[in-house]
Amino acid sequence: MREGEFAALLHEHAGLLSRIAASYEADPSLRDDLLQDIALALWKALPAWRGEAALKTFVARVAHNRGASHVIGRTRRPSTHGLDEDLADPAHGPESHAQLEQKRLRLQDAVRALPLTLRQAVTLALEGFSQQEIAAALGISANNVAVRLNRARKALKDALGESA
């Protein structure tokens, strides 16, 4: 793959990659480092892509694998920062915007607190991946994905309260 094509691929999946990185790293500077690591891992992995899964699924799998390695390789710090600051809906007023931001931060922190296997599945589900796509991205069965998502939902519901 040429550099221009790779740059286009990174641009096309920038939001997905940013949100996956944010699910693994709270610190913005470390998140940037993780995004660079993900980009390097993608550059190295792309020649091995055989087209058996969608490119988006392949990209997500590489990003999650790199994120998991990142978490395993270092001690996590408590979250003090958000996922992507551009996720809030600008159509709402300041109070509504603040409430949405608080909910988003609570969800983000709750997702980060999940065990790694549950975090991977729920992050992809929040990105709109189907259970089959999640299974392909994580290299597990669709039934295993369903189990992980059910456990993650229960854990998130417990962490966020019944109103979540």
N, C-alpha and C. Protein backbone atom coordinates (compact mmCIF):
# COMPACT_ATOMS: atom_id res chain seq x y z
N MET A 1 0.86 -1.18 0.00
CA MET A 1 0.00 0.00 0.00
C MET A 1 0.90 1.23 0.00
N ARG A 2 0.55 2.18 -0.84
CA ARG A 2 1.32 3.43 -0.92
C ARG A 2 0.93 4.35 0.22
N GLU A 3 1.81 5.32 0.47
CA GLU A 3 1.60 6.25 1.58
C GLU A 3 0.29 7.02 1.45
N GLY A 4 -0.02 7.47 0.23
CA GLY A 4 -1.26 8.22 0.01
C GLY A 4 -2.49 7.39 0.31
N GLU A 5 -2.46 6.13 -0.10
CA GLU A 5 -3.59 5.23 0.18
C GLU A 5 -3.71 4.98 1.68
N PHE A 6 -2.56 4.82 2.33
CA PHE A 6 -2.57 4.59 3.78
C PHE A 6 -3.10 5.82 4.52
N ALA A 7 -2.68 7.00 4.09
CA ALA A 7 -3.18 8.23 4.71
C ALA A 7 -4.69 8.34 4.54
N ALA A 8 -5.19 7.97 3.37
CA ALA A 8 -6.64 7.99 3.13
C ALA A 8 -7.36 6.99 4.04
N LEU A 9 -6.76 5.82 4.22
CA LEU A 9 -7.34 4.82 5.11
C LEU A 9 -7.41 5.35 6.54
N LEU A 10 -6.32 5.96 7.02
CA LEU A 10 -6.32 6.53 8.37
C LEU A 10 -7.35 7.64 8.50
N HIS A 11 -7.47 8.47 7.47
CA HIS A 11 -8.45 9.56 7.51
C HIS A 11 -9.88 9.00 7.55
N GLU A 12 -10.13 7.98 6.74
CA GLU A 12 -11.47 7.39 6.66
C GLU A 12 -11.89 6.78 8.00
N HIS A 13 -10.95 6.19 8.72
CA HIS A 13 -11.27 5.50 9.96
C HIS A 13 -10.79 6.26 11.20
N ALA A 14 -10.51 7.54 11.05
CA ALA A 14 -9.96 8.34 12.15
C ALA A 14 -10.86 8.34 13.38
N GLY A 15 -12.15 8.53 13.18
CA GLY A 15 -13.07 8.55 14.32
C GLY A 15 -13.10 7.22 15.06
N LEU A 16 -13.20 6.14 14.31
CA LEU A 16 -13.20 4.80 14.89
C LEU A 16 -11.91 4.56 15.68
N LEU A 17 -10.78 4.88 15.08
CA LEU A 17 -9.49 4.66 15.74
C LEU A 17 -9.35 5.53 16.99
N SER A 18 -9.82 6.77 16.92
CA SER A 18 -9.75 7.66 18.08
C SER A 18 -10.59 7.13 19.24
N ARG A 19 -11.79 6.67 18.93
CA ARG A 19 -12.66 6.16 19.99
C ARG A 19 -12.12 4.85 20.57
N ILE A 20 -11.56 4.00 19.74
CA ILE A 20 -10.96 2.76 20.26
C ILE A 20 -9.78 3.10 21.16
N ALA A 21 -8.92 4.01 20.71
CA ALA A 21 -7.77 4.41 21.53
C ALA A 21 -8.25 5.02 22.84
N ALA A 22 -9.29 5.82 22.79
CA ALA A 22 -9.81 6.46 24.01
C ALA A 22 -10.41 5.44 24.97
N SER A 23 -10.88 4.30 24.45
CA SER A 23 -11.42 3.28 25.34
C SER A 23 -10.31 2.57 26.11
N TYR A 24 -9.07 2.73 25.66
CA TYR A 24 -7.93 2.12 26.32
C TYR A 24 -7.08 3.10 27.10
N GLU A 25 -7.10 4.38 26.73
CA GLU A 25 -6.20 5.35 27.35
C GLU A 25 -6.91 6.65 27.65
N ALA A 26 -6.87 7.07 28.91
CA ALA A 26 -7.53 8.31 29.33
C ALA A 26 -6.65 9.53 29.10
N ASP A 27 -5.38 9.41 29.32
CA ASP A 27 -4.45 10.53 29.20
C ASP A 27 -4.29 10.92 27.73
N PRO A 28 -4.57 12.20 27.38
CA PRO A 28 -4.50 12.61 25.97
C PRO A 28 -3.15 12.38 25.30
N SER A 29 -2.06 12.64 26.00
CA SER A 29 -0.75 12.46 25.37
C SER A 29 -0.46 10.97 25.17
N LEU A 30 -0.83 10.15 26.13
CA LEU A 30 -0.64 8.70 25.97
C LEU A 30 -1.59 8.14 24.92
N ARG A 31 -2.77 8.75 24.82
CA ARG A 31 -3.73 8.33 23.78
C ARG A 31 -3.16 8.64 22.40
N ASP A 32 -2.51 9.79 22.26
CA ASP A 32 -1.87 10.13 20.99
C ASP A 32 -0.76 9.14 20.66
N ASP A 33 0.01 8.75 21.68
CA ASP A 33 1.05 7.74 21.47
C ASP A 33 0.43 6.42 21.03
N LEU A 34 -0.67 6.05 21.67
CA LEU A 34 -1.36 4.82 21.30
C LEU A 34 -1.87 4.89 19.86
N LEU A 35 -2.41 6.04 19.46
CA LEU A 35 -2.88 6.20 18.07
C LEU A 35 -1.72 6.04 17.09
N GLN A 36 -0.56 6.56 17.43
CA GLN A 36 0.61 6.37 16.57
C GLN A 36 1.01 4.91 16.51
N ASP A 37 0.96 4.22 17.64
CA ASP A 37 1.26 2.80 17.67
C ASP A 37 0.26 2.01 16.82
N ILE A 38 -1.01 2.40 16.90
CA ILE A 38 -2.04 1.74 16.09
C ILE A 38 -1.77 1.96 14.61
N ALA A 39 -1.42 3.19 14.24
CA ALA A 39 -1.13 3.48 12.83
C ALA A 39 0.05 2.65 12.34
N LEU A 40 1.08 2.54 13.15
CA LEU A 40 2.25 1.73 12.77
C LEU A 40 1.87 0.25 12.65
N ALA A 41 1.07 -0.22 13.60
CA ALA A 41 0.62 -1.62 13.56
C ALA A 41 -0.22 -1.87 12.31
N LEU A 42 -1.07 -0.90 11.94
CA LEU A 42 -1.87 -1.04 10.72
C LEU A 42 -0.98 -1.09 9.48
N TRP A 43 0.02 -0.22 9.43
CA TRP A 43 0.94 -0.19 8.29
C TRP A 43 1.61 -1.55 8.12
N LYS A 44 2.02 -2.14 9.24
CA LYS A 44 2.68 -3.44 9.19
C LYS A 44 1.71 -4.58 8.89
N ALA A 45 0.47 -4.46 9.35
CA ALA A 45 -0.49 -5.56 9.21
C ALA A 45 -1.22 -5.57 7.87
N LEU A 46 -1.34 -4.44 7.23
CA LEU A 46 -2.14 -4.36 5.99
C LEU A 46 -1.70 -5.34 4.90
N PRO A 47 -0.42 -5.60 4.70
CA PRO A 47 -0.06 -6.59 3.69
C PRO A 47 -0.62 -7.98 3.97
N ALA A 48 -0.93 -8.28 5.22
CA ALA A 48 -1.48 -9.59 5.58
C ALA A 48 -3.00 -9.66 5.41
N TRP A 49 -3.65 -8.53 5.16
CA TRP A 49 -5.11 -8.52 5.01
C TRP A 49 -5.47 -9.25 3.73
N ARG A 50 -6.28 -10.29 3.88
CA ARG A 50 -6.65 -11.12 2.73
C ARG A 50 -8.04 -10.81 2.21
N GLY A 51 -8.73 -9.88 2.82
CA GLY A 51 -10.06 -9.51 2.35
C GLY A 51 -11.15 -10.45 2.83
N GLU A 52 -10.84 -11.34 3.77
CA GLU A 52 -11.85 -12.26 4.30
C GLU A 52 -12.88 -11.52 5.15
N ALA A 53 -12.46 -10.48 5.80
CA ALA A 53 -13.35 -9.62 6.58
C ALA A 53 -13.32 -8.24 5.95
N ALA A 54 -14.29 -7.43 6.28
CA ALA A 54 -14.32 -6.06 5.78
C ALA A 54 -13.10 -5.30 6.28
N LEU A 55 -12.63 -4.34 5.51
CA LEU A 55 -11.46 -3.56 5.90
C LEU A 55 -11.68 -2.87 7.24
N LYS A 56 -12.90 -2.35 7.47
CA LYS A 56 -13.22 -1.69 8.74
C LYS A 56 -13.05 -2.66 9.90
N THR A 57 -13.47 -3.91 9.71
CA THR A 57 -13.33 -4.93 10.75
C THR A 57 -11.87 -5.24 11.00
N PHE A 58 -11.09 -5.33 9.94
CA PHE A 58 -9.65 -5.59 10.06
C PHE A 58 -8.97 -4.44 10.81
N VAL A 59 -9.31 -3.22 10.44
CA VAL A 59 -8.73 -2.04 11.09
C VAL A 59 -9.07 -2.05 12.58
N ALA A 60 -10.33 -2.34 12.91
CA ALA A 60 -10.75 -2.38 14.31
C ALA A 60 -10.02 -3.49 15.07
N ARG A 61 -9.82 -4.63 14.42
CA ARG A 61 -9.12 -5.73 15.09
C ARG A 61 -7.68 -5.34 15.41
N VAL A 62 -7.00 -4.77 14.45
CA VAL A 62 -5.61 -4.34 14.69
C VAL A 62 -5.57 -3.30 15.81
N ALA A 63 -6.50 -2.34 15.77
CA ALA A 63 -6.53 -1.28 16.79
C ALA A 63 -6.80 -1.87 18.18
N HIS A 64 -7.73 -2.80 18.27
CA HIS A 64 -8.02 -3.42 19.56
C HIS A 64 -6.85 -4.26 20.06
N ASN A 65 -6.21 -4.98 19.16
CA ASN A 65 -5.05 -5.77 19.58
C ASN A 65 -3.94 -4.87 20.12
N ARG A 66 -3.71 -3.77 19.44
CA ARG A 66 -2.67 -2.83 19.90
C ARG A 66 -3.09 -2.18 21.21
N GLY A 67 -4.37 -1.83 21.33
CA GLY A 67 -4.87 -1.26 22.58
C GLY A 67 -4.74 -2.22 23.74
N ALA A 68 -5.05 -3.49 23.50
CA ALA A 68 -4.93 -4.49 24.55
C ALA A 68 -3.47 -4.65 24.97
N SER A 69 -2.56 -4.66 24.02
CA SER A 69 -1.14 -4.74 24.34
C SER A 69 -0.70 -3.53 25.15
N HIS A 70 -1.25 -2.38 24.81
CA HIS A 70 -0.94 -1.14 25.52
C HIS A 70 -1.37 -1.24 26.99
N VAL A 71 -2.58 -1.73 27.22
CA VAL A 71 -3.10 -1.83 28.58
C VAL A 71 -2.31 -2.86 29.37
N ILE A 72 -2.02 -3.98 28.75
CA ILE A 72 -1.29 -5.03 29.44
C ILE A 72 0.12 -4.57 29.76
N GLY A 73 0.68 -3.74 28.91
CA GLY A 73 2.06 -3.32 29.05
C GLY A 73 2.31 -2.21 30.06
N ARG A 74 1.28 -1.60 30.58
CA ARG A 74 1.50 -0.51 31.53
C ARG A 74 0.35 -0.40 32.51
N THR A 75 0.58 0.24 33.63
CA THR A 75 -0.45 0.44 34.64
C THR A 75 -1.31 1.61 34.22
N ARG A 76 -2.63 1.40 34.29
CA ARG A 76 -3.55 2.47 33.91
C ARG A 76 -3.69 3.50 35.02
N ARG A 77 -3.95 4.74 34.62
CA ARG A 77 -4.21 5.82 35.56
C ARG A 77 -5.69 6.14 35.52
N PRO A 78 -6.24 6.73 36.60
CA PRO A 78 -7.65 7.10 36.58
C PRO A 78 -7.94 8.13 35.48
N SER A 79 -9.13 8.07 34.98
CA SER A 79 -9.53 8.97 33.89
C SER A 79 -9.79 10.38 34.40
N THR A 80 -9.25 11.34 33.66
CA THR A 80 -9.57 12.74 33.94
C THR A 80 -9.97 13.46 32.67
N HIS A 81 -9.95 12.74 31.53
CA HIS A 81 -10.25 13.36 30.25
C HIS A 81 -11.27 12.53 29.49
N GLY A 82 -11.91 13.14 28.48
CA GLY A 82 -12.95 12.49 27.71
C GLY A 82 -12.45 11.77 26.48
N LEU A 83 -13.37 11.07 25.82
CA LEU A 83 -13.06 10.38 24.56
C LEU A 83 -12.71 11.41 23.51
N ASP A 84 -13.61 11.76 22.68
CA ASP A 84 -13.42 12.81 21.68
C ASP A 84 -14.33 13.96 22.06
N GLU A 85 -13.78 15.12 22.16
CA GLU A 85 -14.56 16.27 22.59
C GLU A 85 -15.61 16.68 21.56
N ASP A 86 -15.51 16.18 20.33
CA ASP A 86 -16.46 16.57 19.29
C ASP A 86 -17.67 15.66 19.24
N LEU A 87 -17.88 14.80 20.24
CA LEU A 87 -19.00 13.88 20.21
C LEU A 87 -20.31 14.50 20.72
N ALA A 88 -20.23 15.62 21.41
CA ALA A 88 -21.43 16.24 21.94
C ALA A 88 -22.26 16.85 20.83
N ASP A 89 -23.56 16.89 21.04
CA ASP A 89 -24.48 17.43 20.04
C ASP A 89 -24.55 18.95 20.18
N PRO A 90 -24.09 19.70 19.17
CA PRO A 90 -24.09 21.15 19.29
C PRO A 90 -25.48 21.77 19.23
N ALA A 91 -26.50 20.99 18.90
CA ALA A 91 -27.86 21.53 18.80
C ALA A 91 -28.47 21.80 20.17
N HIS A 92 -27.92 21.22 21.21
CA HIS A 92 -28.45 21.42 22.55
C HIS A 92 -27.85 22.68 23.17
N GLY A 93 -28.56 23.22 24.15
CA GLY A 93 -28.07 24.40 24.87
C GLY A 93 -26.96 24.01 25.83
N PRO A 94 -26.40 24.99 26.52
CA PRO A 94 -25.27 24.75 27.42
C PRO A 94 -25.58 23.75 28.53
N GLU A 95 -26.76 23.85 29.14
CA GLU A 95 -27.10 22.92 30.22
C GLU A 95 -27.23 21.51 29.69
N SER A 96 -27.92 21.36 28.59
CA SER A 96 -28.10 20.05 27.99
C SER A 96 -26.76 19.49 27.53
N HIS A 97 -25.95 20.36 26.96
CA HIS A 97 -24.61 19.96 26.53
C HIS A 97 -23.79 19.45 27.72
N ALA A 98 -23.86 20.15 28.83
CA ALA A 98 -23.11 19.75 30.03
C ALA A 98 -23.61 18.40 30.56
N GLN A 99 -24.93 18.20 30.56
CA GLN A 99 -25.48 16.93 31.01
C GLN A 99 -25.06 15.78 30.11
N LEU A 100 -25.11 16.00 28.80
CA LEU A 100 -24.67 14.97 27.85
C LEU A 100 -23.19 14.66 28.03
N GLU A 101 -22.40 15.68 28.26
CA GLU A 101 -20.97 15.49 28.46
C GLU A 101 -20.71 14.67 29.72
N GLN A 102 -21.45 14.95 30.80
CA GLN A 102 -21.29 14.19 32.04
C GLN A 102 -21.67 12.72 31.83
N LYS A 103 -22.75 12.49 31.10
CA LYS A 103 -23.17 11.11 30.82
C LYS A 103 -22.12 10.39 29.98
N ARG A 104 -21.59 11.09 28.99
CA ARG A 104 -20.59 10.49 28.12
C ARG A 104 -19.33 10.13 28.91
N LEU A 105 -18.91 11.03 29.80
CA LEU A 105 -17.73 10.77 30.61
C LEU A 105 -17.96 9.61 31.58
N ARG A 106 -19.16 9.54 32.15
CA ARG A 106 -19.48 8.42 33.04
C ARG A 106 -19.46 7.10 32.28
N LEU A 107 -20.03 7.10 31.07
CA LEU A 107 -20.02 5.88 30.25
C LEU A 107 -18.60 5.51 29.88
N GLN A 108 -17.83 6.48 29.46
CA GLN A 108 -16.43 6.23 29.08
C GLN A 108 -15.64 5.64 30.25
N ASP A 109 -15.79 6.21 31.43
CA ASP A 109 -15.09 5.69 32.59
C ASP A 109 -15.56 4.28 32.94
N ALA A 110 -16.86 4.04 32.82
CA ALA A 110 -17.40 2.71 33.11
C ALA A 110 -16.89 1.69 32.10
N VAL A 111 -16.79 2.08 30.83
CA VAL A 111 -16.26 1.17 29.81
C VAL A 111 -14.79 0.87 30.10
N ARG A 112 -14.02 1.89 30.45
CA ARG A 112 -12.60 1.68 30.77
C ARG A 112 -12.41 0.75 31.96
N ALA A 113 -13.38 0.74 32.88
CA ALA A 113 -13.27 -0.09 34.08
C ALA A 113 -13.61 -1.56 33.81
N LEU A 114 -14.21 -1.84 32.66
CA LEU A 114 -14.56 -3.22 32.33
C LEU A 114 -13.31 -4.06 32.12
N PRO A 115 -13.41 -5.36 32.38
CA PRO A 115 -12.29 -6.24 32.02
C PRO A 115 -12.03 -6.13 30.52
N LEU A 116 -10.80 -6.36 30.13
CA LEU A 116 -10.37 -6.16 28.75
C LEU A 116 -11.25 -6.88 27.74
N THR A 117 -11.61 -8.12 28.00
CA THR A 117 -12.41 -8.88 27.03
C THR A 117 -13.79 -8.28 26.83
N LEU A 118 -14.38 -7.78 27.90
CA LEU A 118 -15.70 -7.13 27.79
C LEU A 118 -15.57 -5.77 27.14
N ARG A 119 -14.51 -5.04 27.48
CA ARG A 119 -14.29 -3.71 26.92
C ARG A 119 -14.16 -3.77 25.40
N GLN A 120 -13.44 -4.75 24.91
CA GLN A 120 -13.26 -4.87 23.46
C GLN A 120 -14.60 -5.06 22.77
N ALA A 121 -15.40 -5.98 23.28
CA ALA A 121 -16.70 -6.27 22.65
C ALA A 121 -17.63 -5.06 22.71
N VAL A 122 -17.71 -4.41 23.86
CA VAL A 122 -18.65 -3.30 24.00
C VAL A 122 -18.20 -2.08 23.19
N THR A 123 -16.90 -1.86 23.09
CA THR A 123 -16.41 -0.72 22.29
C THR A 123 -16.81 -0.90 20.82
N LEU A 124 -16.64 -2.10 20.31
CA LEU A 124 -17.03 -2.34 18.92
C LEU A 124 -18.55 -2.25 18.75
N ALA A 125 -19.30 -2.74 19.73
CA ALA A 125 -20.76 -2.65 19.65
C ALA A 125 -21.20 -1.18 19.65
N LEU A 126 -20.55 -0.36 20.47
CA LEU A 126 -20.88 1.07 20.49
C LEU A 126 -20.52 1.75 19.17
N GLU A 127 -19.58 1.17 18.43
CA GLU A 127 -19.21 1.68 17.11
C GLU A 127 -20.18 1.22 16.03
N GLY A 128 -21.15 0.38 16.39
CA GLY A 128 -22.14 -0.07 15.42
C GLY A 128 -21.81 -1.38 14.72
N PHE A 129 -20.79 -2.08 15.20
CA PHE A 129 -20.44 -3.37 14.61
C PHE A 129 -21.50 -4.40 14.99
N SER A 130 -21.80 -5.32 14.07
CA SER A 130 -22.71 -6.42 14.37
C SER A 130 -21.97 -7.46 15.19
N GLN A 131 -22.72 -8.42 15.76
CA GLN A 131 -22.07 -9.47 16.53
C GLN A 131 -21.13 -10.28 15.65
N GLN A 132 -21.50 -10.51 14.41
CA GLN A 132 -20.63 -11.25 13.49
C GLN A 132 -19.34 -10.47 13.23
N GLU A 133 -19.46 -9.18 13.02
CA GLU A 133 -18.28 -8.34 12.78
C GLU A 133 -17.38 -8.28 14.01
N ILE A 134 -17.99 -8.21 15.18
CA ILE A 134 -17.21 -8.21 16.42
C ILE A 134 -16.47 -9.55 16.56
N ALA A 135 -17.16 -10.62 16.26
CA ALA A 135 -16.55 -11.95 16.34
C ALA A 135 -15.34 -12.03 15.40
N ALA A 136 -15.50 -11.51 14.19
CA ALA A 136 -14.39 -11.54 13.23
C ALA A 136 -13.23 -10.66 13.70
N ALA A 137 -13.56 -9.50 14.25
CA ALA A 137 -12.52 -8.58 14.71
C ALA A 137 -11.74 -9.13 15.89
N LEU A 138 -12.43 -9.85 16.77
CA LEU A 138 -11.78 -10.34 17.99
C LEU A 138 -11.31 -11.80 17.87
N GLY A 139 -11.70 -12.46 16.79
CA GLY A 139 -11.29 -13.85 16.60
C GLY A 139 -11.98 -14.81 17.55
N ILE A 140 -13.25 -14.54 17.85
CA ILE A 140 -14.04 -15.41 18.73
C ILE A 140 -15.35 -15.73 18.04
N SER A 141 -16.15 -16.61 18.64
CA SER A 141 -17.44 -16.97 18.05
C SER A 141 -18.48 -15.89 18.33
N ALA A 142 -19.52 -15.88 17.50
CA ALA A 142 -20.62 -14.92 17.69
C ALA A 142 -21.32 -15.17 19.02
N ASN A 143 -21.43 -16.43 19.43
CA ASN A 143 -22.03 -16.75 20.73
C ASN A 143 -21.20 -16.17 21.87
N ASN A 144 -19.89 -16.25 21.74
CA ASN A 144 -19.02 -15.68 22.76
C ASN A 144 -19.19 -14.17 22.81
N VAL A 145 -19.36 -13.55 21.66
CA VAL A 145 -19.61 -12.10 21.61
C VAL A 145 -20.89 -11.77 22.37
N ALA A 146 -21.95 -12.55 22.13
CA ALA A 146 -23.23 -12.31 22.81
C ALA A 146 -23.07 -12.42 24.32
N VAL A 147 -22.32 -13.40 24.77
CA VAL A 147 -22.08 -13.57 26.20
C VAL A 147 -21.32 -12.37 26.76
N ARG A 148 -20.27 -11.96 26.05
CA ARG A 148 -19.48 -10.82 26.51
C ARG A 148 -20.31 -9.54 26.56
N LEU A 149 -21.15 -9.33 25.53
CA LEU A 149 -21.97 -8.13 25.52
C LEU A 149 -22.99 -8.14 26.65
N ASN A 150 -23.59 -9.29 26.92
CA ASN A 150 -24.54 -9.38 28.04
C ASN A 150 -23.85 -9.08 29.36
N ARG A 151 -22.66 -9.63 29.55
CA ARG A 151 -21.91 -9.37 30.79
C ARG A 151 -21.51 -7.91 30.87
N ALA A 152 -21.11 -7.33 29.75
CA ALA A 152 -20.72 -5.92 29.73
C ALA A 152 -21.92 -5.03 30.05
N ARG A 153 -23.07 -5.33 29.44
CA ARG A 153 -24.28 -4.53 29.72
C ARG A 153 -24.62 -4.57 31.20
N LYS A 154 -24.56 -5.76 31.79
CA LYS A 154 -24.87 -5.89 33.22
C LYS A 154 -23.86 -5.08 34.05
N ALA A 155 -22.59 -5.20 33.72
CA ALA A 155 -21.56 -4.47 34.46
C ALA A 155 -21.74 -2.97 34.31
N LEU A 156 -22.05 -2.51 33.09
CA LEU A 156 -22.26 -1.08 32.87
C LEU A 156 -23.51 -0.60 33.59
N LYS A 157 -24.56 -1.41 33.58
CA LYS A 157 -25.79 -1.04 34.28
C LYS A 157 -25.52 -0.92 35.77
N ASP A 158 -24.76 -1.86 36.32
CA ASP A 158 -24.41 -1.80 37.75
C ASP A 158 -23.56 -0.56 38.05
N ALA A 159 -22.60 -0.27 37.17
CA ALA A 159 -21.71 0.85 37.40
C ALA A 159 -22.40 2.20 37.25
N LEU A 160 -23.33 2.28 36.31
CA LEU A 160 -23.99 3.56 36.02
C LEU A 160 -25.31 3.72 36.74
N GLY A 161 -25.83 2.69 37.32
CA GLY A 161 -27.11 2.76 38.01
C GLY A 161 -28.25 2.37 37.07
N GLU A 162 -29.41 2.17 37.64
CA GLU A 162 -30.58 1.72 36.88
C GLU A 162 -31.02 2.72 35.81
N SER A 163 -30.72 3.99 35.98
CA SER A 163 -31.18 5.01 35.02
C SER A 163 -30.34 5.05 33.76
N ALA A 164 -29.25 4.25 33.72
CA ALA A 164 -28.33 4.29 32.57
C ALA A 164 -28.97 3.71 31.33
